[in-house]
Amino acid sequence: MDIDKHKAIALKSYNMTPPDVDVKVRSSWKQWIPFGYANDFTDTLYELYSESELQSAIINNQIKYTYGAGLKEYRSSIFQPNITERWEDFIQKCITDYCIYGAFAVQVILNEDGNRFSYFHTPVSQVRLGGFSENNEIETAYLCTNWKRTNNRNVVEIKMWGTEQPKKGERYLMYCKPYDPKNLVYAIPKWASCMNWIAAEIALGVYYHTFIKNNFSANLAITFPNDVEEEKKAELYQMLTDSFGGPDAAGSILLLFGENGTCPVAAPIESVNADVYNQVCDLITKKIITGNRLTSPVLAGISTSDGFASRADEALAAYSLYKLTVIDEIRSFIMNKINYLLTLNGNPRCLTLQDYDLRKEYEGMTESNDQKEKEQIDADEDVKNKDEQIEEDNEQN
C-alpha cells in the first residue's frame, strides 16, 4: 500500500507538546474547555499511539499486563455494570482508555426504581469538560464523536457525577484521572513526555519507505548539456523515475543518447553514512522506552544483550520490576474507581485483578528453569534406579 507522504508530513506538523488548557477560553455557543489549540489533542495522542510501531507495542503490552489474568472469582450476587456487559469487558475498556489517554470516563444512571445504578463506559476521547463553577468544581461535561466538526446537534451536554443528588433516569459522567497540579482539567498521559520522539519514529518510517522506493538514495545525477522547456523537463523526469525508481527497478541498465556529438553526463552521488541513521534509530528507541517507563526493551519485543542467561530470564526480571513500578500503580487507580461503583449498589469492594503470568509465554525457555527441571528429573531418575536395585537385591536374596 502506498503512503501519501504529503499527508503524513502534514500530520506530523503538530506541536508535539502537551497543551496548556486555558480555562477562560470557551466556544461561542457552548461552554466546554478546548483540549489543545484545535480541541483535538486526543486525536493527536491516538495517532501517535497507532502509527508508531514501538509505542503501540508498549501500550498494547501495558494494557495486557494491567488486565493480567482477569478478575478473581467473585460472587454471582454482584450486580454487573449494565444489562449488556460484564465487569470483565467494562474494565478492559477502562484500562485501554487509561493507558492511551491517561484517563477514562463512565456514565452513571440511576434506574427508575431508584434502587440501583447502571454504569456505561464512555470513550474518554469523546469527552470535553466545562469550566469551573463558583464552588471551584466542574459541573458539566459534553460528549461528541467528532470534535473537529461540532454543531448544536451533535454535542450532548451531561452533568458531572457528584454535583447534585442523583435523579431517577438522569445520566451523570465520572471523569477519572490522577491528580496533576498543572493539568487540573484534562488528563495528560505520562508517556506524553516522549511525544516528539514518537513523532520522530513515525517520520523516520515514512522516510525509510520513501528511501526504499527511491532505491535507497539518489545515487546518480544526470546533467543535460542543453536547456529544455519545462514541459520537456517534467516529461524526462517522469520517464526516468518510472524506469529507474522504486525497488523493482534496482539494478536496471541506464542508457543515455546524445545529439550532435553531445551526450548527457551521469555522475555518481556519494551515499550518506548508514551509521548516522542507525544512531538516530537507537536514540529514538531509548527515548521512547524511557518516556514510557519501560524497564527493558525486551518487554516491547526488542532483543538485547544485557548479560542474562537467556532472553526469557531478562523478560521475567524486567516484568517483575515493571509490574512494581508501573502496572501496580495503573491497576490500583482503576480498580479503586471500579470498586467505588460497586459500593453505590451496596456491594462490597471485592473486584481484584489477577497478575499476568508471563512465565507461560516463556515456559521451558529460561535457563534457570530448565536447569532446575533437569536436576529434578535426574534426581527422580536416581531415586527410581535405587528403588529398582533394592527390589532386585531382595529378589536375589
Protein backbone atom coordinates (compact mmCIF):
# COMPACT_ATOMS: atom_id res chain seq x y z
CA MET A 1 0.00 0.00 0.00
CA ASP A 2 1.42 3.39 -0.99
CA ILE A 3 1.83 6.04 1.70
CA ASP A 4 0.80 9.59 0.90
CA LYS A 5 3.96 11.27 2.14
CA HIS A 6 2.49 14.76 1.82
CA LYS A 7 -0.37 13.77 4.10
CA ALA A 8 1.99 12.04 6.50
CA ILE A 9 4.28 15.07 6.72
CA ALA A 10 1.33 17.39 7.29
CA LEU A 11 0.07 15.07 10.02
CA LYS A 12 3.36 15.36 11.90
CA SER A 13 3.47 19.15 11.76
CA TYR A 14 1.65 19.38 15.10
CA ASN A 15 3.43 20.89 18.07
CA MET A 16 4.26 17.71 19.97
CA THR A 17 3.96 19.12 23.48
CA PRO A 18 1.12 18.73 25.99
CA PRO A 19 -1.31 21.65 25.52
CA ASP A 20 -1.81 24.45 28.00
CA VAL A 21 -5.54 24.35 28.68
CA ASP A 22 -6.93 27.87 29.02
CA VAL A 23 -9.99 27.65 31.23
CA LYS A 24 -11.01 31.18 30.17
CA VAL A 25 -11.43 30.18 26.52
CA ARG A 26 -14.92 29.00 25.61
CA SER A 27 -16.78 28.05 22.48
CA SER A 28 -19.07 30.76 21.14
CA TRP A 29 -22.18 28.69 21.79
CA LYS A 30 -21.10 26.03 24.29
CA GLN A 31 -19.07 26.22 27.45
CA TRP A 32 -16.59 23.35 27.11
CA ILE A 33 -12.88 23.95 27.57
CA PRO A 34 -10.91 23.16 24.39
CA PHE A 35 -8.38 20.35 24.80
CA GLY A 36 -5.45 21.68 22.80
CA TYR A 37 -5.27 24.53 20.28
CA ALA A 38 -7.76 22.92 17.88
CA ASN A 39 -9.58 20.90 20.56
CA ASP A 40 -8.19 17.69 19.05
CA PHE A 41 -5.37 16.68 21.40
CA THR A 42 -6.96 13.26 21.97
CA ASP A 43 -6.77 12.65 18.21
CA THR A 44 -3.07 13.54 18.30
CA LEU A 45 -2.48 11.09 21.14
CA TYR A 46 -4.23 8.28 19.29
CA GLU A 47 -2.33 8.98 16.06
CA LEU A 48 0.98 8.81 17.91
CA TYR A 49 -0.06 5.56 19.59
CA SER A 50 -1.44 3.86 16.48
CA GLU A 51 1.16 4.95 13.91
CA SER A 52 4.29 4.19 15.94
CA GLU A 53 5.25 0.51 15.93
CA LEU A 54 7.20 0.83 19.17
CA GLN A 55 4.65 2.96 21.02
CA SER A 56 1.74 0.71 20.06
CA ALA A 57 3.72 -2.37 21.18
CA ILE A 58 4.48 -0.76 24.55
CA ILE A 59 0.90 0.43 25.16
CA ASN A 60 -0.68 -2.83 24.00
CA ASN A 61 1.54 -4.82 26.35
CA GLN A 62 0.79 -2.35 29.14
CA ILE A 63 -2.94 -2.98 28.61
CA LYS A 64 -2.35 -6.74 28.60
CA TYR A 65 -0.21 -6.71 31.75
CA THR A 66 -2.64 -4.43 33.61
CA TYR A 67 -5.68 -6.61 32.92
CA GLY A 68 -3.48 -9.62 33.69
CA ALA A 69 -5.25 -12.95 34.03
CA GLY A 70 -8.60 -11.24 34.50
CA LEU A 71 -10.75 -10.80 37.58
CA LYS A 72 -10.52 -13.13 40.52
CA GLU A 73 -13.69 -15.11 41.06
CA TYR A 74 -16.41 -13.01 42.65
CA ARG A 75 -19.90 -13.70 43.96
CA SER A 76 -22.68 -14.08 41.40
CA SER A 77 -24.81 -11.73 43.50
CA ILE A 78 -22.58 -8.80 42.50
CA PHE A 79 -24.50 -6.55 40.11
CA GLN A 80 -23.00 -6.31 36.62
CA PRO A 81 -22.35 -2.78 35.27
CA ASN A 82 -25.28 -2.91 32.82
CA ILE A 83 -27.51 -5.43 31.07
CA THR A 84 -25.17 -5.90 28.07
CA GLU A 85 -21.72 -6.03 29.71
CA ARG A 86 -19.88 -7.97 32.35
CA TRP A 87 -17.30 -6.35 34.61
CA GLU A 88 -14.52 -8.04 32.65
CA ASP A 89 -15.47 -6.23 29.42
CA PHE A 90 -16.13 -2.96 31.23
CA ILE A 91 -12.75 -2.97 32.99
CA GLN A 92 -10.83 -3.81 29.80
CA LYS A 93 -12.28 -0.73 28.10
CA CYS A 94 -11.35 1.48 31.06
CA ILE A 95 -7.79 0.11 31.07
CA THR A 96 -7.40 0.72 27.33
CA ASP A 97 -8.51 4.35 27.61
CA TYR A 98 -6.32 4.96 30.64
CA CYS A 99 -3.16 3.54 29.04
CA ILE A 100 -3.64 5.59 25.85
CA TYR A 101 -5.14 8.84 27.18
CA GLY A 102 -4.29 8.84 30.89
CA ALA A 103 -7.96 8.82 31.95
CA PHE A 104 -11.26 7.00 31.49
CA ALA A 105 -14.91 8.03 31.70
CA VAL A 106 -18.06 6.32 32.99
CA GLN A 107 -21.72 7.28 32.66
CA VAL A 108 -23.72 6.65 35.83
CA ILE A 109 -27.52 6.26 35.60
CA LEU A 110 -29.96 5.73 38.47
CA ASN A 111 -32.82 3.43 37.39
CA GLU A 112 -36.47 4.45 37.58
CA ASP A 113 -36.98 2.48 40.80
CA GLY A 114 -34.25 4.49 42.45
CA ASN A 115 -32.59 1.40 43.96
CA ARG A 116 -29.78 0.59 41.55
CA PHE A 117 -27.18 2.32 39.41
CA SER A 118 -26.10 1.23 35.92
CA TYR A 119 -22.67 2.05 34.50
CA PHE A 120 -21.65 2.56 30.90
CA HIS A 121 -18.11 3.06 29.67
CA THR A 122 -17.76 6.24 27.60
CA PRO A 123 -14.73 6.70 25.28
CA VAL A 124 -12.73 9.40 27.03
CA SER A 125 -11.67 10.85 23.67
CA GLN A 126 -15.29 11.93 23.17
CA VAL A 127 -15.41 13.90 26.42
CA ARG A 128 -14.84 17.62 26.91
CA LEU A 129 -15.31 19.33 30.25
CA GLY A 130 -16.96 22.59 31.15
CA GLY A 131 -15.50 25.44 33.15
CA PHE A 132 -15.13 25.69 36.92
CA SER A 133 -18.13 26.89 38.90
CA GLU A 134 -18.12 29.33 41.81
CA ASN A 135 -17.50 26.30 44.03
CA ASN A 136 -14.33 25.57 42.04
CA GLU A 137 -15.87 22.40 40.59
CA ILE A 138 -16.54 21.25 37.06
CA GLU A 139 -20.29 20.67 36.96
CA THR A 140 -20.91 19.95 33.26
CA ALA A 141 -19.35 17.79 30.55
CA TYR A 142 -20.01 17.48 26.82
CA LEU A 143 -19.94 14.42 24.56
CA CYS A 144 -19.25 14.37 20.83
CA THR A 145 -18.00 11.65 18.49
CA ASN A 146 -16.08 14.13 16.32
CA TRP A 147 -14.74 17.27 17.98
CA LYS A 148 -13.34 18.55 14.69
CA ARG A 149 -16.88 19.10 13.44
CA THR A 150 -19.27 20.31 16.10
CA ASN A 151 -22.66 21.98 15.93
CA ASN A 152 -25.69 22.41 18.15
CA ARG A 153 -26.98 18.95 17.16
CA ASN A 154 -24.02 16.58 17.65
CA VAL A 155 -22.80 17.76 21.07
CA VAL A 156 -24.59 16.31 24.11
CA GLU A 157 -24.48 18.03 27.49
CA ILE A 158 -24.24 15.83 30.60
CA LYS A 159 -23.94 16.67 34.30
CA MET A 160 -20.85 15.63 36.22
CA TRP A 161 -21.22 12.99 38.90
CA GLY A 162 -21.34 14.45 42.41
CA THR A 163 -22.77 17.84 41.50
CA GLU A 164 -26.27 17.02 42.79
CA GLN A 165 -28.33 14.29 44.42
CA PRO A 166 -28.80 11.63 41.69
CA LYS A 167 -32.19 11.77 39.98
CA LYS A 168 -34.01 8.79 38.53
CA GLY A 169 -33.19 8.24 34.86
CA GLU A 170 -30.66 11.08 34.81
CA ARG A 171 -27.20 10.49 33.34
CA TYR A 172 -24.04 11.66 35.10
CA LEU A 173 -20.43 11.48 33.97
CA MET A 174 -17.42 10.41 36.01
CA TYR A 175 -14.13 11.64 34.50
CA CYS A 176 -11.43 9.60 36.22
CA LYS A 177 -7.88 10.92 36.11
CA PRO A 178 -4.98 11.05 38.59
CA TYR A 179 -4.28 14.36 40.27
CA ASP A 180 -1.88 16.59 38.35
CA PRO A 181 -1.13 20.02 39.86
CA LYS A 182 -0.52 21.56 36.42
CA ASN A 183 -3.34 19.88 34.48
CA LEU A 184 -6.42 20.36 36.63
CA VAL A 185 -8.95 19.83 33.82
CA TYR A 186 -7.85 17.14 31.36
CA ALA A 187 -5.54 14.19 31.85
CA ILE A 188 -2.18 14.07 30.10
CA PRO A 189 -0.75 10.53 29.79
CA LYS A 190 2.63 10.01 31.39
CA TRP A 191 4.12 8.92 28.09
CA ALA A 192 3.43 12.42 26.69
CA SER A 193 6.96 13.40 27.73
CA CYS A 194 8.31 11.46 24.72
CA MET A 195 5.75 12.67 22.15
CA ASN A 196 8.38 14.33 19.99
CA TRP A 197 10.43 11.13 19.88
CA ILE A 198 7.38 9.10 18.89
CA ALA A 199 6.65 11.61 16.11
CA ALA A 200 10.29 11.28 15.02
CA GLU A 201 9.93 7.50 14.82
CA ILE A 202 6.82 7.82 12.65
CA ALA A 203 8.55 10.37 10.39
CA LEU A 204 11.55 8.05 10.15
CA GLY A 205 9.26 5.25 8.99
CA VAL A 206 7.87 7.46 6.21
CA TYR A 207 11.44 8.48 5.34
CA TYR A 208 12.62 4.87 5.05
CA HIS A 209 9.59 3.96 2.95
CA THR A 210 10.44 6.76 0.53
CA PHE A 211 14.12 5.81 0.77
CA ILE A 212 13.35 2.27 -0.43
CA LYS A 213 11.03 3.49 -3.19
CA ASN A 214 13.92 5.63 -4.45
CA ASN A 215 16.38 2.70 -4.47
CA PHE A 216 17.71 3.70 -1.01
CA SER A 217 19.17 7.04 -2.17
CA ALA A 218 19.54 9.46 -5.02
CA ASN A 219 22.79 7.87 -6.18
CA LEU A 220 23.02 9.30 -9.69
CA ALA A 221 22.87 12.86 -11.06
CA ILE A 222 22.20 13.30 -14.79
CA THR A 223 23.19 16.62 -16.38
CA PHE A 224 21.79 17.51 -19.79
CA PRO A 225 24.03 19.79 -21.86
CA ASN A 226 21.22 21.89 -23.30
CA ASP A 227 18.38 23.60 -21.53
CA VAL A 228 14.93 22.31 -22.42
CA GLU A 229 11.41 23.55 -21.92
CA GLU A 230 9.69 22.99 -18.57
CA GLU A 231 7.23 20.57 -20.12
CA LYS A 232 10.10 18.52 -21.56
CA LYS A 233 11.90 18.56 -18.20
CA ALA A 234 8.83 17.17 -16.46
CA GLU A 235 8.47 14.50 -19.16
CA LEU A 236 12.13 13.44 -18.81
CA TYR A 237 11.93 13.38 -15.03
CA GLN A 238 8.78 11.24 -15.06
CA MET A 239 10.30 8.87 -17.62
CA LEU A 240 13.49 8.39 -15.56
CA THR A 241 11.52 7.97 -12.33
CA ASP A 242 9.24 5.34 -13.87
CA SER A 243 12.19 3.46 -15.38
CA PHE A 244 14.68 3.54 -12.51
CA GLY A 245 12.78 4.47 -9.33
CA GLY A 246 11.40 2.03 -6.77
CA PRO A 247 12.64 -1.33 -5.51
CA ASP A 248 11.52 -3.22 -8.63
CA ALA A 249 13.92 -1.18 -10.78
CA ALA A 250 17.02 -1.91 -8.70
CA GLY A 251 19.99 -2.82 -10.90
CA SER A 252 18.35 -1.56 -14.10
CA ILE A 253 20.56 -0.54 -17.01
CA LEU A 254 20.69 3.19 -17.78
CA LEU A 255 21.04 4.15 -21.46
CA LEU A 256 21.81 7.75 -22.46
CA PHE A 257 21.66 9.05 -26.06
CA GLY A 258 23.17 12.32 -27.26
CA GLU A 259 22.65 14.68 -30.17
CA ASN A 260 25.31 16.26 -32.42
CA GLY A 261 28.08 14.50 -30.55
CA THR A 262 26.98 15.82 -27.12
CA CYS A 263 25.77 13.35 -24.51
CA PRO A 264 24.16 13.81 -21.07
CA VAL A 265 26.62 13.39 -18.19
CA ALA A 266 25.84 10.89 -15.42
CA ALA A 267 27.76 11.46 -12.17
CA PRO A 268 27.51 9.23 -9.05
CA ILE A 269 26.39 10.77 -5.74
CA GLU A 270 28.07 9.59 -2.57
CA SER A 271 25.61 7.92 -0.22
CA VAL A 272 25.13 9.17 3.33
CA ASN A 273 26.80 7.07 6.02
CA ALA A 274 24.28 4.47 7.19
CA ASP A 275 25.70 4.61 10.74
CA VAL A 276 24.13 8.04 11.17
CA TYR A 277 20.65 6.60 10.62
CA ASN A 278 21.34 3.65 12.91
CA GLN A 279 22.43 6.00 15.68
CA VAL A 280 19.27 8.07 15.26
CA CYS A 281 17.09 4.94 15.40
CA ASP A 282 18.83 3.74 18.56
CA LEU A 283 18.44 7.14 20.23
CA ILE A 284 14.73 7.34 19.36
CA THR A 285 14.14 3.84 20.72
CA LYS A 286 15.89 4.64 24.01
CA LYS A 287 13.95 7.89 24.48
CA ILE A 288 10.56 6.24 23.82
CA ILE A 289 11.35 3.39 26.19
CA THR A 290 12.42 5.87 28.88
CA GLY A 291 9.34 8.06 28.38
CA ASN A 292 7.09 5.03 28.85
CA ARG A 293 8.97 3.92 31.99
CA LEU A 294 9.62 0.56 30.37
CA THR A 295 12.18 -1.39 32.40
CA SER A 296 13.62 -3.26 29.42
CA PRO A 297 13.24 -3.14 25.61
CA VAL A 298 12.54 -6.88 25.68
CA LEU A 299 9.03 -6.12 27.01
CA ALA A 300 8.37 -4.37 23.70
CA GLY A 301 9.73 -7.29 21.68
CA ILE A 302 13.24 -5.85 21.18
CA SER A 303 16.08 -8.28 21.85
CA THR A 304 19.03 -7.09 23.92
CA SER A 305 22.28 -8.48 25.29
CA ASP A 306 22.31 -7.38 28.93
CA GLY A 307 24.19 -10.31 30.41
CA PHE A 308 21.20 -12.55 31.14
CA ALA A 309 21.46 -16.26 30.53
CA SER A 310 18.52 -16.09 28.12
CA ARG A 311 16.00 -13.63 26.75
CA ALA A 312 13.32 -15.28 28.87
CA ASP A 313 15.25 -14.63 32.08
CA GLU A 314 15.66 -10.99 31.10
CA ALA A 315 11.94 -10.65 30.28
CA LEU A 316 10.87 -12.16 33.60
CA ALA A 317 13.23 -9.92 35.59
CA ALA A 318 12.14 -6.82 33.64
CA TYR A 319 8.46 -7.67 34.03
CA SER A 320 8.77 -8.05 37.80
CA LEU A 321 10.23 -4.55 38.09
CA TYR A 322 7.79 -3.11 35.52
CA LYS A 323 4.87 -4.53 37.46
CA LEU A 324 6.06 -2.96 40.71
CA THR A 325 6.81 0.48 39.24
CA VAL A 326 4.11 0.92 36.58
CA ILE A 327 1.45 -1.81 36.33
CA ASP A 328 0.53 -1.89 40.04
CA GLU A 329 0.10 1.90 40.01
CA ILE A 330 -2.26 1.82 37.00
CA ARG A 331 -4.19 -1.15 38.32
CA SER A 332 -4.62 0.39 41.77
CA PHE A 333 -6.04 3.65 40.40
CA ILE A 334 -8.51 1.95 38.03
CA MET A 335 -9.72 -0.72 40.44
CA ASN A 336 -10.27 1.83 43.24
CA LYS A 337 -12.68 3.65 40.91
CA ILE A 338 -14.36 0.42 39.80
CA ASN A 339 -14.86 -0.80 43.36
CA TYR A 340 -16.30 2.57 44.29
CA LEU A 341 -19.01 1.95 41.67
CA LEU A 342 -19.80 -1.36 43.37
CA THR A 343 -20.39 0.35 46.71
CA LEU A 344 -23.05 2.61 45.15
CA ASN A 345 -25.17 -0.52 44.65
CA GLY A 346 -24.48 -1.81 48.14
CA ASN A 347 -21.86 -4.35 47.06
CA PRO A 348 -18.50 -4.76 48.84
CA ARG A 349 -15.24 -3.65 47.21
CA CYS A 350 -14.46 -7.15 46.03
CA LEU A 351 -13.19 -6.92 42.44
CA THR A 352 -9.47 -7.69 42.09
CA LEU A 353 -7.35 -8.29 39.01
CA GLN A 354 -5.02 -11.27 38.88
CA ASP A 355 -1.39 -10.86 37.83
CA TYR A 356 -0.36 -11.71 34.30
CA ASP A 357 1.65 -14.94 34.19
CA LEU A 358 4.49 -14.05 31.86
CA ARG A 359 6.18 -17.36 32.68
CA LYS A 360 3.68 -19.19 30.48
CA GLU A 361 4.93 -17.30 27.42
CA TYR A 362 8.47 -18.46 28.12
CA GLU A 363 7.68 -21.87 29.57
CA GLY A 364 10.76 -24.07 29.32
CA MET A 365 12.84 -21.27 27.77
CA THR A 366 14.60 -19.88 30.84
CA GLU A 367 17.96 -21.38 31.59
CA SER A 368 17.33 -21.27 35.33
CA ASN A 369 14.01 -23.12 35.00
CA ASP A 370 15.43 -25.61 32.52
CA GLN A 371 18.33 -26.36 34.86
CA LYS A 372 16.01 -26.85 37.83
CA GLU A 373 13.74 -29.12 35.80
CA LYS A 374 16.73 -31.14 34.59
CA GLU A 375 18.06 -31.51 38.12
CA GLN A 376 14.64 -32.62 39.36
CA ILE A 377 14.30 -35.18 36.54
CA ASP A 378 17.79 -36.53 37.27
CA ALA A 379 17.02 -36.76 40.98
CA ASP A 380 13.76 -38.61 40.30
CA GLU A 381 15.58 -40.97 37.95
CA ASP A 382 18.23 -41.71 40.59
CA VAL A 383 15.56 -42.50 43.18
CA LYS A 384 13.79 -44.78 40.72
CA ASN A 385 17.03 -46.63 39.86
CA LYS A 386 17.88 -47.11 43.54
CA ASP A 387 14.40 -48.49 44.23
CA GLU A 388 14.70 -50.92 41.32
CA GLN A 389 18.15 -52.02 42.51
CA ILE A 390 16.85 -52.66 46.00
CA GLU A 391 13.99 -54.73 44.61
CA GLU A 392 16.42 -56.81 42.51
CA ASP A 393 18.68 -57.41 45.50
CA ASN A 394 15.73 -58.52 47.61
CA GLU A 395 14.57 -60.93 44.88
CA GLN A 396 18.05 -62.49 44.59
CA ASN A 397 18.28 -62.97 48.34
